[in-house]
Amino acid sequence: MTPSLAHQQNSPAWQRSLAGFGYRQVAPAPVLAPYVQHYWELSLPADYALEHRELLHPDGGSSLLFQLQGRLRIDGQPTGQGVIFNPAAARSGALVLEPGVQVFAVRFRPGMGAVFWRVAASDFANELMGLDCAQYLRFDLPAVTEQLQRAADMPARVLLLEAALGKALAASDGGARELAPALELLRVSRGKQTLPGVLAQSGLSQRQLERLCKRYLGLTAKQYSRLHRVAYTRELLKQCAPAPLVEVACQAGYADQAHFSHDFKGVVGVTPGQYLRRVQARYHDVESGDAQIVHRA
């Protein structure tokens, strides 16, 4: 059964800014829901005057992006082979969409996409790849890419990809599910949960957690925790009247602003002050309806 389109009435501003490009999300089938966040698709009109840029902020998840037509780049790397595999990243990336591009993608949950890989996630974390990543996957990526190019619409593409993912899931070891509770504790706590607390509540030893993170996540638990703490500070900075930076740091559990600034720049690539100015110049314009050339903060 084809998954239904996700409701967008309460969607984030960055999603609403892409509505004019036909941005849509589709939820996965129930059997794949523990592993797949969603599928998404968009098309930038060929007569659109500008490139569209989006910041891709990491959450520990991974993606496969299929270039159906036109051109796009991630961190300056073009999809010359029709697909980009974007594994778990420790830093924000830059997605550039050129006029005429059409993209279909699947977003995997943190640590869960690795059930579809043949090797440990740490073997290629932070490394963008094209069709050369096929050697690491449990399904025939070139064949699937060709089928997706010929598919009539997004529902057909979702069904094709889910058929391939379903077969790959059947061949996996299922070990990723052991890691999920620990990752959820870190995510829900906004990265403020201590490692001993995570170990106590998840029932894992430190050695087990390290092994599972290396195999399925591609990041350490500390790196993953930092991603979600920084994500929380980005949410605070996006408020129409954000608190002073020192208060944002305190709310996120940082002992001092220097530590906050170091972590923030290490993940996002700019200082909190620079990010705040970006938000004030672009993000709030989306809330007021001027979303045509606003990019995701």
C-alpha atoms as a PDB file:
ATOM      1  CA  MET A   1       0.000   0.000   0.000  1.00  0.00           C
ATOM      2  CA  THR A   2       1.430   3.397  -0.959  1.00  0.00           C
ATOM      3  CA  PRO A   3       2.302   5.497   2.133  1.00  0.00           C
ATOM      4  CA  SER A   4       0.312   8.687   2.472  1.00  0.00           C
ATOM      5  CA  LEU A   5       1.837  12.138   2.063  1.00  0.00           C
ATOM      6  CA  ALA A   6       2.906  13.671   5.366  1.00  0.00           C
ATOM      7  CA  HIS A   7       0.785  16.572   6.582  1.00  0.00           C
ATOM      8  CA  GLN A   8       2.537  19.924   6.194  1.00  0.00           C
ATOM      9  CA  GLN A   9       0.244  22.336   8.004  1.00  0.00           C
ATOM     10  CA  ASN A  10       2.579  22.320  11.018  1.00  0.00           C
ATOM     11  CA  SER A  11       5.759  21.774   9.054  1.00  0.00           C
ATOM     12  CA  PRO A  12       8.911  23.781   9.818  1.00  0.00           C
ATOM     13  CA  ALA A  13       9.518  27.061   8.022  1.00  0.00           C
ATOM     14  CA  TRP A  14      12.278  25.563   5.874  1.00  0.00           C
ATOM     15  CA  GLN A  15       9.825  22.983   4.523  1.00  0.00           C
ATOM     16  CA  ARG A  16       7.269  25.667   3.770  1.00  0.00           C
ATOM     17  CA  SER A  17       9.968  27.604   1.926  1.00  0.00           C
ATOM     18  CA  LEU A  18      10.292  24.624  -0.435  1.00  0.00           C
ATOM     19  CA  ALA A  19       6.556  24.216  -1.020  1.00  0.00           C
ATOM     20  CA  GLY A  20       6.818  26.182  -4.256  1.00  0.00           C
ATOM     21  CA  PHE A  21       9.263  23.563  -5.520  1.00  0.00           C
ATOM     22  CA  GLY A  22       6.790  20.746  -4.953  1.00  0.00           C
ATOM     23  CA  TYR A  23       8.546  19.512  -1.804  1.00  0.00           C
ATOM     24  CA  ARG A  24       6.743  16.466  -0.436  1.00  0.00           C
ATOM     25  CA  GLN A  25       7.447  13.902   2.259  1.00  0.00           C
ATOM     26  CA  VAL A  26       6.095  10.362   2.326  1.00  0.00           C
ATOM     27  CA  ALA A  27       6.095   8.159   5.405  1.00  0.00           C
ATOM     28  CA  PRO A  28       7.586   4.654   5.093  1.00  0.00           C
ATOM     29  CA  ALA A  29       5.661   1.405   5.218  1.00  0.00           C
ATOM     30  CA  PRO A  30       5.285   0.089   8.808  1.00  0.00           C
ATOM     31  CA  VAL A  31       7.888  -2.653   8.375  1.00  0.00           C
ATOM     32  CA  LEU A  32      10.490  -0.037   7.371  1.00  0.00           C
ATOM     33  CA  ALA A  33       9.421   2.694   9.821  1.00  0.00           C
ATOM     34  CA  PRO A  34      12.016   1.732  12.481  1.00  0.00           C
ATOM     35  CA  TYR A  35      14.750   2.349   9.891  1.00  0.00           C
ATOM     36  CA  VAL A  36      13.437   5.022   7.496  1.00  0.00           C
ATOM     37  CA  GLN A  37      12.433   8.532   8.583  1.00  0.00           C
ATOM     38  CA  HIS A  38      10.751   9.448   5.305  1.00  0.00           C
ATOM     39  CA  TYR A  39      11.099   9.794   1.552  1.00  0.00           C
ATOM     40  CA  TRP A  40      11.102  13.232  -0.020  1.00  0.00           C
ATOM     41  CA  GLU A  41      11.032  14.791  -3.457  1.00  0.00           C
ATOM     42  CA  LEU A  42      11.233  18.258  -4.976  1.00  0.00           C
ATOM     43  CA  SER A  43      11.615  19.917  -8.371  1.00  0.00           C
ATOM     44  CA  LEU A  44      13.166  23.324  -9.032  1.00  0.00           C
ATOM     45  CA  PRO A  45      11.490  24.878 -12.114  1.00  0.00           C
ATOM     46  CA  ALA A  46      13.739  25.159 -15.155  1.00  0.00           C
ATOM     47  CA  ASP A  47      12.855  28.851 -15.493  1.00  0.00           C
ATOM     48  CA  TYR A  48      13.704  29.611 -11.867  1.00  0.00           C
ATOM     49  CA  ALA A  49      16.179  32.483 -11.868  1.00  0.00           C
ATOM     50  CA  LEU A  50      18.484  31.370  -9.052  1.00  0.00           C
ATOM     51  CA  GLU A  51      20.177  28.357  -7.561  1.00  0.00           C
ATOM     52  CA  HIS A  52      18.518  27.284  -4.320  1.00  0.00           C
ATOM     53  CA  ARG A  53      20.758  26.617  -1.340  1.00  0.00           C
ATOM     54  CA  GLU A  54      19.946  24.670   1.789  1.00  0.00           C
ATOM     55  CA  LEU A  55      22.032  23.888   4.851  1.00  0.00           C
ATOM     56  CA  LEU A  56      21.849  20.192   5.732  1.00  0.00           C
ATOM     57  CA  HIS A  57      22.203  19.924   9.487  1.00  0.00           C
ATOM     58  CA  PRO A  58      23.277  16.502  10.800  1.00  0.00           C
ATOM     59  CA  ASP A  59      21.176  14.447  13.198  1.00  0.00           C
ATOM     60  CA  GLY A  60      23.100  11.184  12.919  1.00  0.00           C
ATOM     61  CA  GLY A  61      20.945   9.935  10.047  1.00  0.00           C
ATOM     62  CA  SER A  62      22.030   9.115   6.502  1.00  0.00           C
ATOM     63  CA  SER A  63      20.519   9.673   3.045  1.00  0.00           C
ATOM     64  CA  LEU A  64      20.428   8.417  -0.506  1.00  0.00           C
ATOM     65  CA  LEU A  65      19.612  11.200  -2.995  1.00  0.00           C
ATOM     66  CA  PHE A  66      18.631  10.297  -6.547  1.00  0.00           C
ATOM     67  CA  GLN A  67      19.087  12.935  -9.230  1.00  0.00           C
ATOM     68  CA  LEU A  68      16.168  12.313 -11.576  1.00  0.00           C
ATOM     69  CA  GLN A  69      17.022  15.257 -13.796  1.00  0.00           C
ATOM     70  CA  GLY A  70      19.042  18.483 -13.705  1.00  0.00           C
ATOM     71  CA  ARG A  71      22.002  19.118 -11.436  1.00  0.00           C
ATOM     72  CA  LEU A  72      22.661  19.475  -7.731  1.00  0.00           C
ATOM     73  CA  ARG A  73      25.708  19.626  -5.486  1.00  0.00           C
ATOM     74  CA  ILE A  74      26.437  18.718  -1.883  1.00  0.00           C
ATOM     75  CA  ASP A  75      29.456  20.486  -0.416  1.00  0.00           C
ATOM     76  CA  GLY A  76      30.486  21.293  -3.969  1.00  0.00           C
ATOM     77  CA  GLN A  77      30.313  17.679  -5.151  1.00  0.00           C
ATOM     78  CA  PRO A  78      28.006  17.182  -8.180  1.00  0.00           C
ATOM     79  CA  THR A  79      25.903  14.072  -8.668  1.00  0.00           C
ATOM     80  CA  GLY A  80      27.601  13.031 -11.867  1.00  0.00           C
ATOM     81  CA  GLN A  81      26.463   9.433 -11.403  1.00  0.00           C
ATOM     82  CA  GLY A  82      22.826  10.229 -10.677  1.00  0.00           C
ATOM     83  CA  VAL A  83      22.980   9.461  -6.954  1.00  0.00           C
ATOM     84  CA  ILE A  84      24.650  10.781  -3.817  1.00  0.00           C
ATOM     85  CA  PHE A  85      25.076   8.643  -0.718  1.00  0.00           C
ATOM     86  CA  ASN A  86      25.328  10.941   2.292  1.00  0.00           C
ATOM     87  CA  PRO A  87      26.267   8.880   5.364  1.00  0.00           C
ATOM     88  CA  ALA A  88      26.133  10.095   8.953  1.00  0.00           C
ATOM     89  CA  ALA A  89      27.940  13.415   9.180  1.00  0.00           C
ATOM     90  CA  ALA A  90      29.449  15.321  12.097  1.00  0.00           C
ATOM     91  CA  ARG A  91      29.111  18.714  10.384  1.00  0.00           C
ATOM     92  CA  SER A  92      26.475  20.641   8.483  1.00  0.00           C
ATOM     93  CA  GLY A  93      26.649  20.440   4.704  1.00  0.00           C
ATOM     94  CA  ALA A  94      25.531  22.656   1.827  1.00  0.00           C
ATOM     95  CA  LEU A  95      22.978  21.456  -0.746  1.00  0.00           C
ATOM     96  CA  VAL A  96      22.800  23.497  -3.967  1.00  0.00           C
ATOM     97  CA  LEU A  97      19.886  22.885  -6.343  1.00  0.00           C
ATOM     98  CA  GLU A  98      20.187  24.242  -9.881  1.00  0.00           C
ATOM     99  CA  PRO A  99      17.139  25.264 -11.959  1.00  0.00           C
ATOM    100  CA  GLY A 100      15.543  22.248 -13.633  1.00  0.00           C
ATOM    101  CA  VAL A 101      16.658  19.725 -11.022  1.00  0.00           C
ATOM    102  CA  GLN A 102      14.361  16.990  -9.700  1.00  0.00           C
ATOM    103  CA  VAL A 103      15.425  15.025  -6.634  1.00  0.00           C
ATOM    104  CA  PHE A 104      14.021  11.947  -4.919  1.00  0.00           C
ATOM    105  CA  ALA A 105      15.596  10.816  -1.647  1.00  0.00           C
ATOM    106  CA  VAL A 106      15.275   8.523   1.340  1.00  0.00           C
ATOM    107  CA  ARG A 107      16.302   9.641   4.816  1.00  0.00           C
ATOM    108  CA  PHE A 108      17.333   6.889   7.239  1.00  0.00           C
ATOM    109  CA  ARG A 109      17.039   7.131  10.999  1.00  0.00           C
ATOM    110  CA  PRO A 110      20.250   7.570  13.024  1.00  0.00           C
ATOM    111  CA  GLY A 111      22.059   4.256  13.266  1.00  0.00           C
ATOM    112  CA  MET A 112      19.287   2.422  11.444  1.00  0.00           C
ATOM    113  CA  GLY A 113      20.349   2.927   7.829  1.00  0.00           C
ATOM    114  CA  ALA A 114      23.292   0.628   8.447  1.00  0.00           C
ATOM    115  CA  VAL A 115      21.005  -2.424   8.290  1.00  0.00           C
ATOM    116  CA  PHE A 116      21.106  -1.833   4.519  1.00  0.00           C
ATOM    117  CA  TRP A 117      24.946  -1.685   4.370  1.00  0.00           C
ATOM    118  CA  ARG A 118      27.308  -4.638   4.081  1.00  0.00           C
ATOM    119  CA  VAL A 119      30.083  -2.970   6.110  1.00  0.00           C
ATOM    120  CA  ALA A 120      30.416  -0.876   9.269  1.00  0.00           C
ATOM    121  CA  ALA A 121      29.086   2.672   9.056  1.00  0.00           C
ATOM    122  CA  SER A 122      32.427   3.930  10.371  1.00  0.00           C
ATOM    123  CA  ASP A 123      34.092   2.705   7.151  1.00  0.00           C
ATOM    124  CA  PHE A 124      32.621   5.613   5.191  1.00  0.00           C
ATOM    125  CA  ALA A 125      31.193   8.123   7.691  1.00  0.00           C
ATOM    126  CA  ASN A 126      31.453  11.731   6.462  1.00  0.00           C
ATOM    127  CA  GLU A 127      32.402  10.523   2.966  1.00  0.00           C
ATOM    128  CA  LEU A 128      30.064  11.536   0.121  1.00  0.00           C
ATOM    129  CA  MET A 129      29.825   8.925  -2.619  1.00  0.00           C
ATOM    130  CA  GLY A 130      28.032   8.325  -5.901  1.00  0.00           C
ATOM    131  CA  LEU A 131      27.276   4.963  -7.477  1.00  0.00           C
ATOM    132  CA  ASP A 132      30.599   3.736  -6.149  1.00  0.00           C
ATOM    133  CA  CYS A 133      28.802   3.215  -2.826  1.00  0.00           C
ATOM    134  CA  ALA A 134      26.911   0.312  -4.467  1.00  0.00           C
ATOM    135  CA  GLN A 135      29.612  -2.082  -3.271  1.00  0.00           C
ATOM    136  CA  TYR A 136      28.594  -1.347   0.334  1.00  0.00           C
ATOM    137  CA  LEU A 137      24.823  -1.769  -0.048  1.00  0.00           C
ATOM    138  CA  ARG A 138      22.674  -4.872   0.308  1.00  0.00           C
ATOM    139  CA  PHE A 139      20.692  -4.089  -2.852  1.00  0.00           C
ATOM    140  CA  ASP A 140      21.474  -3.427  -6.506  1.00  0.00           C
ATOM    141  CA  LEU A 141      21.848   0.353  -6.478  1.00  0.00           C
ATOM    142  CA  PRO A 142      22.527   0.826 -10.241  1.00  0.00           C
ATOM    143  CA  ALA A 143      19.411  -1.183 -11.136  1.00  0.00           C
ATOM    144  CA  VAL A 144      17.275   0.667  -8.580  1.00  0.00           C
ATOM    145  CA  THR A 145      18.587   4.035  -9.808  1.00  0.00           C
ATOM    146  CA  GLU A 146      17.629   3.155 -13.371  1.00  0.00           C
ATOM    147  CA  GLN A 147      14.154   2.021 -12.290  1.00  0.00           C
ATOM    148  CA  LEU A 148      13.577   5.224 -10.319  1.00  0.00           C
ATOM    149  CA  GLN A 149      14.515   7.292 -13.369  1.00  0.00           C
ATOM    150  CA  ARG A 150      11.776   5.535 -15.380  1.00  0.00           C
ATOM    151  CA  ALA A 151       9.079   5.580 -12.670  1.00  0.00           C
ATOM    152  CA  ALA A 152       5.998   7.648 -13.447  1.00  0.00           C
ATOM    153  CA  ASP A 153       5.625   9.521 -10.161  1.00  0.00           C
ATOM    154  CA  MET A 154       6.650   9.701  -6.510  1.00  0.00           C
ATOM    155  CA  PRO A 155       4.329   6.925  -5.232  1.00  0.00           C
ATOM    156  CA  ALA A 156       5.788   4.586  -7.856  1.00  0.00           C
ATOM    157  CA  ARG A 157       9.318   5.549  -6.830  1.00  0.00           C
ATOM    158  CA  VAL A 158       8.543   4.913  -3.167  1.00  0.00           C
ATOM    159  CA  LEU A 159       7.191   1.440  -3.967  1.00  0.00           C
ATOM    160  CA  LEU A 160      10.251   0.581  -6.058  1.00  0.00           C
ATOM    161  CA  LEU A 161      12.700   1.691  -3.404  1.00  0.00           C
ATOM    162  CA  GLU A 162      10.767   0.048  -0.585  1.00  0.00           C
ATOM    163  CA  ALA A 163      10.838  -3.268  -2.444  1.00  0.00           C
ATOM    164  CA  ALA A 164      14.643  -3.063  -2.594  1.00  0.00           C
ATOM    165  CA  LEU A 165      14.957  -1.942   1.029  1.00  0.00           C
ATOM    166  CA  GLY A 166      12.609  -4.699   2.186  1.00  0.00           C
ATOM    167  CA  LYS A 167      14.775  -7.389   0.593  1.00  0.00           C
ATOM    168  CA  ALA A 168      17.907  -5.817   2.080  1.00  0.00           C
ATOM    169  CA  LEU A 169      16.313  -5.724   5.521  1.00  0.00           C
ATOM    170  CA  ALA A 170      15.542  -9.431   5.322  1.00  0.00           C
ATOM    171  CA  ALA A 171      19.257 -10.106   4.764  1.00  0.00           C
ATOM    172  CA  SER A 172      20.455  -7.916   7.668  1.00  0.00           C
ATOM    173  CA  ASP A 173      21.499  -9.040  11.134  1.00  0.00           C
ATOM    174  CA  GLY A 174      19.079  -6.725  12.965  1.00  0.00           C
ATOM    175  CA  GLY A 175      21.764  -5.597  15.402  1.00  0.00           C
ATOM    176  CA  ALA A 176      21.030  -1.916  14.873  1.00  0.00           C
ATOM    177  CA  ARG A 177      17.938  -2.225  17.061  1.00  0.00           C
ATOM    178  CA  GLU A 178      20.225  -2.746  20.088  1.00  0.00           C
ATOM    179  CA  LEU A 179      21.592   0.772  19.618  1.00  0.00           C
ATOM    180  CA  ALA A 180      18.247   2.544  19.191  1.00  0.00           C
ATOM    181  CA  PRO A 181      17.377   3.002  22.920  1.00  0.00           C
ATOM    182  CA  ALA A 182      20.712   4.668  23.696  1.00  0.00           C
ATOM    183  CA  LEU A 183      20.408   7.029  20.732  1.00  0.00           C
ATOM    184  CA  GLU A 184      16.851   7.907  21.715  1.00  0.00           C
ATOM    185  CA  LEU A 185      17.978   8.785  25.253  1.00  0.00           C
ATOM    186  CA  LEU A 186      20.589  11.167  23.865  1.00  0.00           C
ATOM    187  CA  ARG A 187      18.158  12.700  21.373  1.00  0.00           C
ATOM    188  CA  VAL A 188      15.317  13.261  23.836  1.00  0.00           C
ATOM    189  CA  SER A 189      17.669  14.788  26.416  1.00  0.00           C
ATOM    190  CA  ARG A 190      18.961  17.247  23.787  1.00  0.00           C
ATOM    191  CA  GLY A 191      22.430  15.792  24.274  1.00  0.00           C
ATOM    192  CA  LYS A 192      22.460  16.566  28.008  1.00  0.00           C
ATOM    193  CA  GLN A 193      22.150  12.946  29.173  1.00  0.00           C
ATOM    194  CA  THR A 194      25.450  11.765  30.647  1.00  0.00           C
ATOM    195  CA  LEU A 195      27.134   8.685  29.212  1.00  0.00           C
ATOM    196  CA  PRO A 196      26.888   6.757  32.519  1.00  0.00           C
ATOM    197  CA  GLY A 197      23.188   7.589  32.589  1.00  0.00           C
ATOM    198  CA  VAL A 198      22.729   6.344  29.021  1.00  0.00           C
ATOM    199  CA  LEU A 199      24.544   3.113  29.812  1.00  0.00           C
ATOM    200  CA  ALA A 200      22.502   2.528  32.961  1.00  0.00           C
ATOM    201  CA  GLN A 201      19.157   3.083  31.234  1.00  0.00           C
ATOM    202  CA  SER A 202      19.957   1.272  27.991  1.00  0.00           C
ATOM    203  CA  GLY A 203      21.524  -1.773  29.659  1.00  0.00           C
ATOM    204  CA  LEU A 204      24.656  -1.502  27.509  1.00  0.00           C
ATOM    205  CA  SER A 205      28.243  -1.513  28.651  1.00  0.00           C
ATOM    206  CA  GLN A 206      30.564   1.223  27.429  1.00  0.00           C
ATOM    207  CA  ARG A 207      32.347  -1.267  25.208  1.00  0.00           C
ATOM    208  CA  GLN A 208      29.042  -2.444  23.703  1.00  0.00           C
ATOM    209  CA  LEU A 209      27.959   1.141  23.037  1.00  0.00           C
ATOM    210  CA  GLU A 210      31.251   1.958  21.335  1.00  0.00           C
ATOM    211  CA  ARG A 211      31.034  -1.175  19.177  1.00  0.00           C
ATOM    212  CA  LEU A 212      27.434  -0.523  18.162  1.00  0.00           C
ATOM    213  CA  CYS A 213      28.117   3.128  17.344  1.00  0.00           C
ATOM    214  CA  LYS A 214      31.065   2.162  15.166  1.00  0.00           C
ATOM    215  CA  ARG A 215      29.106  -0.530  13.333  1.00  0.00           C
ATOM    216  CA  TYR A 216      25.775   1.216  12.845  1.00  0.00           C
ATOM    217  CA  LEU A 217      26.097   4.952  13.487  1.00  0.00           C
ATOM    218  CA  GLY A 218      29.500   5.945  12.140  1.00  0.00           C
ATOM    219  CA  LEU A 219      29.850   8.503  14.946  1.00  0.00           C
ATOM    220  CA  THR A 220      30.811   8.184  18.592  1.00  0.00           C
ATOM    221  CA  ALA A 221      28.136   8.606  21.246  1.00  0.00           C
ATOM    222  CA  LYS A 222      29.825  11.877  22.244  1.00  0.00           C
ATOM    223  CA  GLN A 223      29.654  13.201  18.663  1.00  0.00           C
ATOM    224  CA  TYR A 224      26.001  12.186  18.374  1.00  0.00           C
ATOM    225  CA  SER A 225      25.190  13.874  21.677  1.00  0.00           C
ATOM    226  CA  ARG A 226      26.895  17.067  20.534  1.00  0.00           C
ATOM    227  CA  LEU A 227      24.845  17.121  17.304  1.00  0.00           C
ATOM    228  CA  HIS A 228      21.598  17.152  19.260  1.00  0.00           C
ATOM    229  CA  ARG A 229      22.774  19.702  21.795  1.00  0.00           C
ATOM    230  CA  VAL A 230      23.783  22.035  18.972  1.00  0.00           C
ATOM    231  CA  ALA A 231      20.457  21.324  17.212  1.00  0.00           C
ATOM    232  CA  TYR A 232      18.667  22.481  20.358  1.00  0.00           C
ATOM    233  CA  THR A 233      20.646  25.727  20.401  1.00  0.00           C
ATOM    234  CA  ARG A 234      19.673  26.293  16.760  1.00  0.00           C
ATOM    235  CA  GLU A 235      16.025  25.959  17.765  1.00  0.00           C
ATOM    236  CA  LEU A 236      16.541  28.531  20.508  1.00  0.00           C
ATOM    237  CA  LEU A 237      18.246  30.926  18.113  1.00  0.00           C
ATOM    238  CA  LYS A 238      15.368  30.609  15.628  1.00  0.00           C
ATOM    239  CA  GLN A 239      12.894  32.061  18.085  1.00  0.00           C
ATOM    240  CA  CYS A 240      11.659  35.462  16.987  1.00  0.00           C
ATOM    241  CA  ALA A 241      13.095  37.038  20.137  1.00  0.00           C
ATOM    242  CA  PRO A 242      16.016  34.729  21.047  1.00  0.00           C
ATOM    243  CA  ALA A 243      17.648  34.969  24.438  1.00  0.00           C
ATOM    244  CA  PRO A 244      21.172  36.393  24.702  1.00  0.00           C
ATOM    245  CA  LEU A 245      23.818  33.895  23.617  1.00  0.00           C
ATOM    246  CA  VAL A 246      24.992  33.330  27.170  1.00  0.00           C
ATOM    247  CA  GLU A 247      21.434  32.327  28.144  1.00  0.00           C
ATOM    248  CA  VAL A 248      21.124  30.039  25.101  1.00  0.00           C
ATOM    249  CA  ALA A 249      24.328  28.333  26.202  1.00  0.00           C
ATOM    250  CA  CYS A 250      22.968  27.901  29.716  1.00  0.00           C
ATOM    251  CA  GLN A 251      19.619  26.494  28.526  1.00  0.00           C
ATOM    252  CA  ALA A 252      21.469  23.928  26.413  1.00  0.00           C
ATOM    253  CA  GLY A 253      23.516  22.805  29.399  1.00  0.00           C
ATOM    254  CA  TYR A 254      26.849  24.392  28.527  1.00  0.00           C
ATOM    255  CA  ALA A 255      29.005  25.491  31.442  1.00  0.00           C
ATOM    256  CA  ASP A 256      30.186  28.579  29.564  1.00  0.00           C
ATOM    257  CA  GLN A 257      29.688  30.443  26.305  1.00  0.00           C
ATOM    258  CA  ALA A 258      33.161  29.558  25.029  1.00  0.00           C
ATOM    259  CA  HIS A 259      32.363  25.832  25.085  1.00  0.00           C
ATOM    260  CA  PHE A 260      29.018  26.518  23.387  1.00  0.00           C
ATOM    261  CA  SER A 261      30.654  28.589  20.632  1.00  0.00           C
ATOM    262  CA  HIS A 262      33.321  25.933  20.062  1.00  0.00           C
ATOM    263  CA  ASP A 263      30.767  23.135  19.669  1.00  0.00           C
ATOM    264  CA  PHE A 264      28.421  25.232  17.556  1.00  0.00           C
ATOM    265  CA  LYS A 265      31.074  26.289  15.066  1.00  0.00           C
ATOM    266  CA  GLY A 266      32.463  22.753  14.975  1.00  0.00           C
ATOM    267  CA  VAL A 267      29.087  21.416  13.804  1.00  0.00           C
ATOM    268  CA  VAL A 268      27.460  24.262  11.874  1.00  0.00           C
ATOM    269  CA  GLY A 269      30.610  25.874  10.495  1.00  0.00           C
ATOM    270  CA  VAL A 270      29.795  29.396  11.724  1.00  0.00           C
ATOM    271  CA  THR A 271      29.675  31.022  15.161  1.00  0.00           C
ATOM    272  CA  PRO A 272      26.371  31.311  17.049  1.00  0.00           C
ATOM    273  CA  GLY A 273      26.396  35.065  16.412  1.00  0.00           C
ATOM    274  CA  GLN A 274      26.867  34.581  12.669  1.00  0.00           C
ATOM    275  CA  TYR A 275      24.103  31.983  12.608  1.00  0.00           C
ATOM    276  CA  LEU A 276      21.762  34.279  14.513  1.00  0.00           C
ATOM    277  CA  ARG A 277      22.312  37.046  11.955  1.00  0.00           C
ATOM    278  CA  ARG A 278      21.553  34.547   9.185  1.00  0.00           C
ATOM    279  CA  VAL A 279      18.348  33.524  10.920  1.00  0.00           C
ATOM    280  CA  GLN A 280      17.243  37.108  11.435  1.00  0.00           C
ATOM    281  CA  ALA A 281      17.919  37.965   7.784  1.00  0.00           C
ATOM    282  CA  ARG A 282      16.332  34.869   6.222  1.00  0.00           C
ATOM    283  CA  TYR A 283      14.449  32.521   8.483  1.00  0.00           C
ATOM    284  CA  HIS A 284      12.010  35.040   9.945  1.00  0.00           C
ATOM    285  CA  ASP A 285      11.160  36.220   6.433  1.00  0.00           C
ATOM    286  CA  VAL A 286       9.767  32.721   5.836  1.00  0.00           C
ATOM    287  CA  GLU A 287       7.455  33.086   8.809  1.00  0.00           C
ATOM    288  CA  SER A 288       6.102  36.321   7.336  1.00  0.00           C
ATOM    289  CA  GLY A 289       5.436  34.642   3.981  1.00  0.00           C
ATOM    290  CA  ASP A 290       8.435  35.875   1.953  1.00  0.00           C
ATOM    291  CA  ALA A 291       9.819  32.390   1.324  1.00  0.00           C
ATOM    292  CA  GLN A 292      10.780  32.438  -2.319  1.00  0.00           C
ATOM    293  CA  ILE A 293      14.518  32.918  -1.969  1.00  0.00           C
ATOM    294  CA  VAL A 294      14.940  32.099   1.709  1.00  0.00           C
ATOM    295  CA  HIS A 295      17.200  29.165   2.465  1.00  0.00           C
ATOM    296  CA  ARG A 296      17.091  26.815   5.378  1.00  0.00           C
ATOM    297  CA  ALA A 297      18.932  28.101   8.428  1.00  0.00           C
END
